[in-house]
Amino acid sequence: MLGFSIAIFPEENYIPSPKYWEREERWSMVLATWETSFRGTNWITALVKEGKATLLEGSTGYSSRHRCRLSAIAGILNQGPPPHQSPPVVGDDYYLPGGWTGKIERHPERIARCHADDFVIIETMDLS
């Protein structure tokens, strides 16, 4: 496994249907995105164990969608994803160093329009 692409969206327009995730306009609502190695999603698993997030679709090991309150991930949205202990990943034509997290794209103006008690969707897509 190479890792994950992570995207965080406000829940307000979420429709639990595969067709929703095919709609391109959802990207105009994204709060933050980044790519990470396979252990870079451990923070989501911790949120579920703490009762702060719920798994909506998928599994905790591959592509999935979780729901939580913005307040549960405010630090991540403001300071970036937490560090993690993924080992280096070596492929035929790529190398990712241990603990790799790719370019982080945040949209502070969209984040500022949300309230702490608003729900967000955390989408993880398998990069393999």
N, C-alpha and C. Protein backbone atom coordinates (compact mmCIF):
# COMPACT_ATOMS: atom_id res chain seq x y z
N MET A 1 0.83 -1.18 0.00
CA MET A 1 0.00 0.00 0.00
C MET A 1 0.88 1.24 0.00
N LEU A 2 0.57 2.17 -0.86
CA LEU A 2 1.31 3.42 -0.97
C LEU A 2 0.89 4.42 0.09
N GLY A 3 -0.40 4.62 0.27
CA GLY A 3 -0.89 5.59 1.23
C GLY A 3 -2.29 6.03 0.88
N PHE A 4 -2.63 7.24 1.34
CA PHE A 4 -3.99 7.76 1.18
C PHE A 4 -3.99 9.21 0.73
N SER A 5 -5.05 9.56 0.03
CA SER A 5 -5.40 10.95 -0.22
C SER A 5 -6.51 11.26 0.78
N ILE A 6 -6.37 12.37 1.49
CA ILE A 6 -7.37 12.74 2.49
C ILE A 6 -8.01 14.06 2.07
N ALA A 7 -9.33 14.12 2.15
CA ALA A 7 -10.07 15.34 1.86
C ALA A 7 -11.13 15.52 2.94
N ILE A 8 -11.29 16.76 3.40
CA ILE A 8 -12.26 17.07 4.44
C ILE A 8 -13.26 18.07 3.88
N PHE A 9 -14.55 17.71 3.99
CA PHE A 9 -15.64 18.51 3.43
C PHE A 9 -16.65 18.85 4.53
N PRO A 10 -17.36 19.99 4.41
CA PRO A 10 -18.49 20.21 5.32
C PRO A 10 -19.59 19.21 4.99
N GLU A 11 -20.31 18.77 5.98
CA GLU A 11 -21.34 17.75 5.77
C GLU A 11 -22.60 18.31 5.12
N GLU A 12 -22.81 19.60 5.16
CA GLU A 12 -24.09 20.20 4.78
C GLU A 12 -24.65 19.71 3.44
N ASN A 13 -23.82 19.38 2.48
CA ASN A 13 -24.31 18.93 1.19
C ASN A 13 -24.07 17.45 0.93
N TYR A 14 -23.69 16.72 1.96
CA TYR A 14 -23.39 15.30 1.81
C TYR A 14 -24.65 14.48 1.57
N ILE A 15 -24.61 13.65 0.56
CA ILE A 15 -25.70 12.71 0.26
C ILE A 15 -25.06 11.33 0.26
N PRO A 16 -25.48 10.42 1.13
CA PRO A 16 -24.84 9.10 1.19
C PRO A 16 -25.15 8.26 -0.04
N SER A 17 -24.49 8.59 -1.12
CA SER A 17 -24.70 7.89 -2.38
C SER A 17 -23.41 7.93 -3.18
N PRO A 18 -23.07 6.86 -3.87
CA PRO A 18 -21.86 6.88 -4.70
C PRO A 18 -21.87 8.00 -5.74
N LYS A 19 -23.04 8.36 -6.22
CA LYS A 19 -23.12 9.42 -7.22
C LYS A 19 -22.63 10.76 -6.68
N TYR A 20 -22.81 11.00 -5.37
CA TYR A 20 -22.33 12.25 -4.78
C TYR A 20 -20.82 12.38 -4.96
N TRP A 21 -20.10 11.30 -4.76
CA TRP A 21 -18.64 11.36 -4.80
C TRP A 21 -18.10 11.48 -6.22
N GLU A 22 -18.97 11.33 -7.21
CA GLU A 22 -18.58 11.52 -8.61
C GLU A 22 -18.74 12.98 -9.04
N ARG A 23 -19.45 13.77 -8.25
CA ARG A 23 -19.72 15.16 -8.61
C ARG A 23 -18.49 16.02 -8.41
N GLU A 24 -18.06 16.71 -9.43
CA GLU A 24 -16.87 17.56 -9.37
C GLU A 24 -17.07 18.80 -8.51
N GLU A 25 -18.31 19.32 -8.43
CA GLU A 25 -18.53 20.55 -7.68
C GLU A 25 -18.26 20.40 -6.18
N ARG A 26 -18.19 19.18 -5.69
CA ARG A 26 -17.89 19.01 -4.28
C ARG A 26 -16.51 19.56 -3.94
N TRP A 27 -15.60 19.60 -4.93
CA TRP A 27 -14.25 20.11 -4.67
C TRP A 27 -14.26 21.61 -4.37
N SER A 28 -15.31 22.31 -4.79
CA SER A 28 -15.40 23.74 -4.48
C SER A 28 -15.74 23.97 -3.01
N MET A 29 -16.07 22.90 -2.28
CA MET A 29 -16.43 23.00 -0.87
C MET A 29 -15.33 22.44 0.05
N VAL A 30 -14.32 21.80 -0.50
CA VAL A 30 -13.32 21.12 0.32
C VAL A 30 -12.65 22.10 1.29
N LEU A 31 -12.45 21.64 2.52
CA LEU A 31 -11.80 22.46 3.54
C LEU A 31 -10.29 22.25 3.54
N ALA A 32 -9.86 21.01 3.31
CA ALA A 32 -8.43 20.70 3.29
C ALA A 32 -8.20 19.37 2.58
N THR A 33 -7.03 19.22 1.97
CA THR A 33 -6.62 17.96 1.33
C THR A 33 -5.13 17.75 1.54
N TRP A 34 -4.72 16.49 1.54
CA TRP A 34 -3.30 16.13 1.54
C TRP A 34 -3.17 14.65 1.24
N GLU A 35 -1.95 14.23 0.95
CA GLU A 35 -1.64 12.81 0.78
C GLU A 35 -0.71 12.40 1.90
N THR A 36 -0.78 11.13 2.26
CA THR A 36 0.02 10.66 3.39
C THR A 36 0.32 9.17 3.24
N SER A 37 1.36 8.72 3.89
CA SER A 37 1.68 7.29 3.93
C SER A 37 0.60 6.54 4.69
N PHE A 38 0.68 5.21 4.67
CA PHE A 38 -0.43 4.40 5.18
C PHE A 38 -0.72 4.57 6.66
N ARG A 39 0.22 4.95 7.49
CA ARG A 39 -0.09 5.18 8.90
C ARG A 39 -0.53 6.63 9.16
N GLY A 40 -0.61 7.41 8.11
CA GLY A 40 -1.03 8.80 8.24
C GLY A 40 -2.51 8.97 8.47
N THR A 41 -3.24 7.87 8.59
CA THR A 41 -4.66 7.95 8.92
C THR A 41 -4.93 7.47 10.36
N ASN A 42 -3.89 7.20 11.11
CA ASN A 42 -4.08 6.71 12.48
C ASN A 42 -4.88 7.68 13.34
N TRP A 43 -4.79 8.97 13.05
CA TRP A 43 -5.54 9.97 13.82
C TRP A 43 -7.04 9.78 13.64
N ILE A 44 -7.45 9.30 12.46
CA ILE A 44 -8.88 9.04 12.23
C ILE A 44 -9.33 7.84 13.07
N THR A 45 -8.53 6.80 13.08
CA THR A 45 -8.83 5.62 13.91
C THR A 45 -8.93 6.02 15.38
N ALA A 46 -8.04 6.91 15.83
CA ALA A 46 -8.08 7.37 17.22
C ALA A 46 -9.38 8.14 17.49
N LEU A 47 -9.82 8.97 16.55
CA LEU A 47 -11.09 9.69 16.73
C LEU A 47 -12.26 8.72 16.90
N VAL A 48 -12.26 7.65 16.11
CA VAL A 48 -13.33 6.65 16.21
C VAL A 48 -13.27 5.97 17.59
N LYS A 49 -12.09 5.56 18.02
CA LYS A 49 -11.95 4.89 19.33
C LYS A 49 -12.37 5.80 20.47
N GLU A 50 -12.15 7.12 20.32
CA GLU A 50 -12.52 8.09 21.35
C GLU A 50 -14.00 8.46 21.27
N GLY A 51 -14.72 7.94 20.28
CA GLY A 51 -16.13 8.26 20.12
C GLY A 51 -16.38 9.62 19.49
N LYS A 52 -15.35 10.20 18.86
CA LYS A 52 -15.47 11.53 18.26
C LYS A 52 -15.77 11.48 16.76
N ALA A 53 -15.68 10.30 16.16
CA ALA A 53 -15.95 10.13 14.72
C ALA A 53 -16.69 8.82 14.51
N THR A 54 -17.43 8.77 13.41
CA THR A 54 -18.20 7.59 13.03
C THR A 54 -17.83 7.19 11.62
N LEU A 55 -17.62 5.90 11.41
CA LEU A 55 -17.38 5.39 10.06
C LEU A 55 -18.70 5.33 9.32
N LEU A 56 -18.78 6.03 8.17
CA LEU A 56 -20.00 6.04 7.35
C LEU A 56 -19.96 5.00 6.26
N GLU A 57 -18.82 4.93 5.57
CA GLU A 57 -18.67 4.03 4.42
C GLU A 57 -17.25 3.51 4.37
N GLY A 58 -17.07 2.32 3.83
CA GLY A 58 -15.74 1.77 3.64
C GLY A 58 -15.25 1.04 4.86
N SER A 59 -13.93 1.04 5.04
CA SER A 59 -13.31 0.37 6.17
C SER A 59 -12.20 1.25 6.69
N THR A 60 -11.69 0.91 7.85
CA THR A 60 -10.62 1.71 8.41
C THR A 60 -9.27 1.42 7.75
N GLY A 61 -9.18 0.43 6.90
CA GLY A 61 -7.91 0.09 6.27
C GLY A 61 -7.78 0.56 4.83
N TYR A 62 -8.88 0.87 4.17
CA TYR A 62 -8.84 1.29 2.78
C TYR A 62 -9.67 2.55 2.61
N SER A 63 -10.16 2.80 1.44
CA SER A 63 -10.95 4.00 1.20
C SER A 63 -12.17 4.02 2.11
N SER A 64 -12.42 5.20 2.68
CA SER A 64 -13.52 5.30 3.65
C SER A 64 -14.00 6.74 3.78
N ARG A 65 -15.13 6.88 4.45
CA ARG A 65 -15.68 8.18 4.79
C ARG A 65 -16.11 8.14 6.25
N HIS A 66 -15.65 9.14 6.99
CA HIS A 66 -15.99 9.27 8.41
C HIS A 66 -16.70 10.60 8.62
N ARG A 67 -17.43 10.67 9.72
CA ARG A 67 -18.16 11.89 10.09
C ARG A 67 -17.74 12.27 11.51
N CYS A 68 -17.45 13.57 11.69
CA CYS A 68 -17.14 14.07 13.04
C CYS A 68 -17.48 15.55 13.10
N ARG A 69 -17.45 16.11 14.28
CA ARG A 69 -17.65 17.54 14.43
C ARG A 69 -16.35 18.27 14.08
N LEU A 70 -16.49 19.45 13.54
CA LEU A 70 -15.32 20.26 13.18
C LEU A 70 -14.41 20.45 14.40
N SER A 71 -14.99 20.63 15.57
CA SER A 71 -14.19 20.85 16.77
C SER A 71 -13.21 19.71 17.05
N ALA A 72 -13.55 18.48 16.63
CA ALA A 72 -12.68 17.32 16.86
C ALA A 72 -11.41 17.37 16.02
N ILE A 73 -11.45 18.12 14.92
CA ILE A 73 -10.28 18.17 14.03
C ILE A 73 -9.81 19.60 13.78
N ALA A 74 -10.25 20.54 14.60
CA ALA A 74 -9.88 21.95 14.40
C ALA A 74 -8.36 22.14 14.36
N GLY A 75 -7.64 21.46 15.25
CA GLY A 75 -6.19 21.58 15.27
C GLY A 75 -5.55 21.09 13.98
N ILE A 76 -6.07 20.01 13.43
CA ILE A 76 -5.56 19.47 12.17
C ILE A 76 -5.83 20.44 11.03
N LEU A 77 -7.03 21.02 11.01
CA LEU A 77 -7.36 21.97 9.94
C LEU A 77 -6.52 23.24 10.04
N ASN A 78 -6.18 23.65 11.27
CA ASN A 78 -5.42 24.88 11.44
C ASN A 78 -3.90 24.69 11.39
N GLN A 79 -3.39 23.56 11.88
CA GLN A 79 -1.95 23.35 11.93
C GLN A 79 -1.43 22.26 11.01
N GLY A 80 -2.31 21.52 10.39
CA GLY A 80 -1.90 20.44 9.51
C GLY A 80 -1.99 19.09 10.19
N PRO A 81 -1.85 18.04 9.40
CA PRO A 81 -2.00 16.68 9.95
C PRO A 81 -0.91 16.35 10.95
N PRO A 82 -1.23 15.49 11.91
CA PRO A 82 -0.22 15.10 12.91
C PRO A 82 0.87 14.23 12.29
N PRO A 83 2.08 14.26 12.87
CA PRO A 83 3.14 13.38 12.38
C PRO A 83 2.76 11.92 12.64
N HIS A 84 3.37 11.02 11.89
CA HIS A 84 3.08 9.60 12.05
C HIS A 84 4.34 8.80 11.79
N GLN A 85 4.31 7.53 12.10
CA GLN A 85 5.49 6.67 12.04
C GLN A 85 5.42 5.65 10.90
N SER A 86 4.99 6.07 9.73
CA SER A 86 5.00 5.15 8.58
C SER A 86 6.44 4.87 8.17
N PRO A 87 6.73 3.64 7.80
CA PRO A 87 8.08 3.33 7.30
C PRO A 87 8.24 3.86 5.87
N PRO A 88 9.46 3.92 5.36
CA PRO A 88 9.65 4.30 3.96
C PRO A 88 8.92 3.33 3.03
N VAL A 89 8.46 3.84 1.90
CA VAL A 89 7.77 3.03 0.90
C VAL A 89 8.60 3.10 -0.39
N VAL A 90 9.01 1.93 -0.88
CA VAL A 90 9.82 1.85 -2.09
C VAL A 90 9.05 1.09 -3.16
N GLY A 91 8.89 1.71 -4.32
CA GLY A 91 8.21 1.07 -5.43
C GLY A 91 9.12 0.99 -6.64
N ASP A 92 8.59 0.50 -7.75
CA ASP A 92 9.38 0.39 -8.97
C ASP A 92 9.90 1.74 -9.44
N ASP A 93 9.07 2.77 -9.31
CA ASP A 93 9.47 4.09 -9.82
C ASP A 93 9.20 5.22 -8.84
N TYR A 94 9.14 4.91 -7.54
CA TYR A 94 8.93 5.96 -6.55
C TYR A 94 9.53 5.56 -5.20
N TYR A 95 9.75 6.56 -4.39
CA TYR A 95 10.22 6.37 -3.02
C TYR A 95 9.55 7.42 -2.15
N LEU A 96 8.97 7.00 -1.03
CA LEU A 96 8.41 7.92 -0.06
C LEU A 96 9.14 7.72 1.27
N PRO A 97 9.69 8.77 1.83
CA PRO A 97 10.41 8.62 3.10
C PRO A 97 9.48 8.26 4.25
N GLY A 98 10.02 7.72 5.31
CA GLY A 98 9.23 7.39 6.49
C GLY A 98 8.49 8.62 7.01
N GLY A 99 7.25 8.43 7.44
CA GLY A 99 6.46 9.53 7.97
C GLY A 99 6.03 10.56 6.93
N TRP A 100 6.02 10.16 5.66
CA TRP A 100 5.73 11.10 4.58
C TRP A 100 4.30 11.63 4.63
N THR A 101 4.18 12.94 4.46
CA THR A 101 2.91 13.61 4.20
C THR A 101 3.17 14.56 3.05
N GLY A 102 2.31 14.49 2.03
CA GLY A 102 2.48 15.32 0.84
C GLY A 102 1.94 16.72 1.04
N LYS A 103 1.88 17.45 -0.05
CA LYS A 103 1.43 18.84 -0.04
C LYS A 103 0.07 18.97 0.65
N ILE A 104 0.00 19.89 1.58
CA ILE A 104 -1.24 20.15 2.30
C ILE A 104 -1.88 21.38 1.68
N GLU A 105 -3.13 21.24 1.29
CA GLU A 105 -3.88 22.37 0.75
C GLU A 105 -5.02 22.68 1.70
N ARG A 106 -4.98 23.87 2.30
CA ARG A 106 -6.02 24.30 3.23
C ARG A 106 -6.75 25.49 2.64
N HIS A 107 -8.01 25.63 2.99
CA HIS A 107 -8.83 26.75 2.53
C HIS A 107 -9.37 27.49 3.76
N PRO A 108 -8.56 28.39 4.34
CA PRO A 108 -8.94 29.06 5.59
C PRO A 108 -10.27 29.82 5.51
N GLU A 109 -10.57 30.39 4.35
CA GLU A 109 -11.82 31.14 4.21
C GLU A 109 -13.02 30.21 4.32
N ARG A 110 -12.92 29.00 3.82
CA ARG A 110 -14.01 28.02 3.93
C ARG A 110 -14.10 27.48 5.36
N ILE A 111 -12.95 27.23 5.96
CA ILE A 111 -12.92 26.74 7.34
C ILE A 111 -13.56 27.77 8.26
N ALA A 112 -13.26 29.05 8.03
CA ALA A 112 -13.79 30.12 8.89
C ALA A 112 -15.31 30.23 8.81
N ARG A 113 -15.90 29.80 7.71
CA ARG A 113 -17.37 29.85 7.58
C ARG A 113 -18.07 28.73 8.36
N CYS A 114 -17.30 27.76 8.82
CA CYS A 114 -17.88 26.64 9.58
C CYS A 114 -17.89 26.96 11.07
N HIS A 115 -18.78 26.30 11.79
CA HIS A 115 -18.88 26.43 13.24
C HIS A 115 -18.32 25.17 13.89
N ALA A 116 -17.83 25.30 15.11
CA ALA A 116 -17.20 24.18 15.81
C ALA A 116 -18.12 22.97 15.93
N ASP A 117 -19.43 23.21 16.04
CA ASP A 117 -20.35 22.08 16.19
C ASP A 117 -20.89 21.55 14.86
N ASP A 118 -20.43 22.11 13.73
CA ASP A 118 -20.80 21.58 12.41
C ASP A 118 -20.15 20.22 12.20
N PHE A 119 -20.83 19.36 11.45
CA PHE A 119 -20.25 18.07 11.09
C PHE A 119 -19.47 18.19 9.79
N VAL A 120 -18.39 17.42 9.70
CA VAL A 120 -17.58 17.34 8.48
C VAL A 120 -17.43 15.88 8.09
N ILE A 121 -17.12 15.68 6.82
CA ILE A 121 -16.85 14.35 6.29
C ILE A 121 -15.36 14.26 6.00
N ILE A 122 -14.72 13.21 6.51
CA ILE A 122 -13.31 12.95 6.22
C ILE A 122 -13.28 11.80 5.22
N GLU A 123 -12.82 12.08 4.02
CA GLU A 123 -12.76 11.08 2.96
C GLU A 123 -11.31 10.63 2.82
N THR A 124 -11.07 9.32 2.87
CA THR A 124 -9.75 8.78 2.60
C THR A 124 -9.85 7.87 1.38
N MET A 125 -8.99 8.10 0.42
CA MET A 125 -8.96 7.30 -0.80
C MET A 125 -7.61 6.62 -0.92
N ASP A 126 -7.62 5.33 -1.09
CA ASP A 126 -6.41 4.53 -1.23
C ASP A 126 -5.64 4.95 -2.48
N LEU A 127 -4.34 5.24 -2.32
CA LEU A 127 -3.50 5.66 -3.45
C LEU A 127 -2.85 4.48 -4.19
N SER A 128 -3.01 3.27 -3.67
CA SER A 128 -2.36 2.12 -4.31
C SER A 128 -2.89 1.84 -5.70
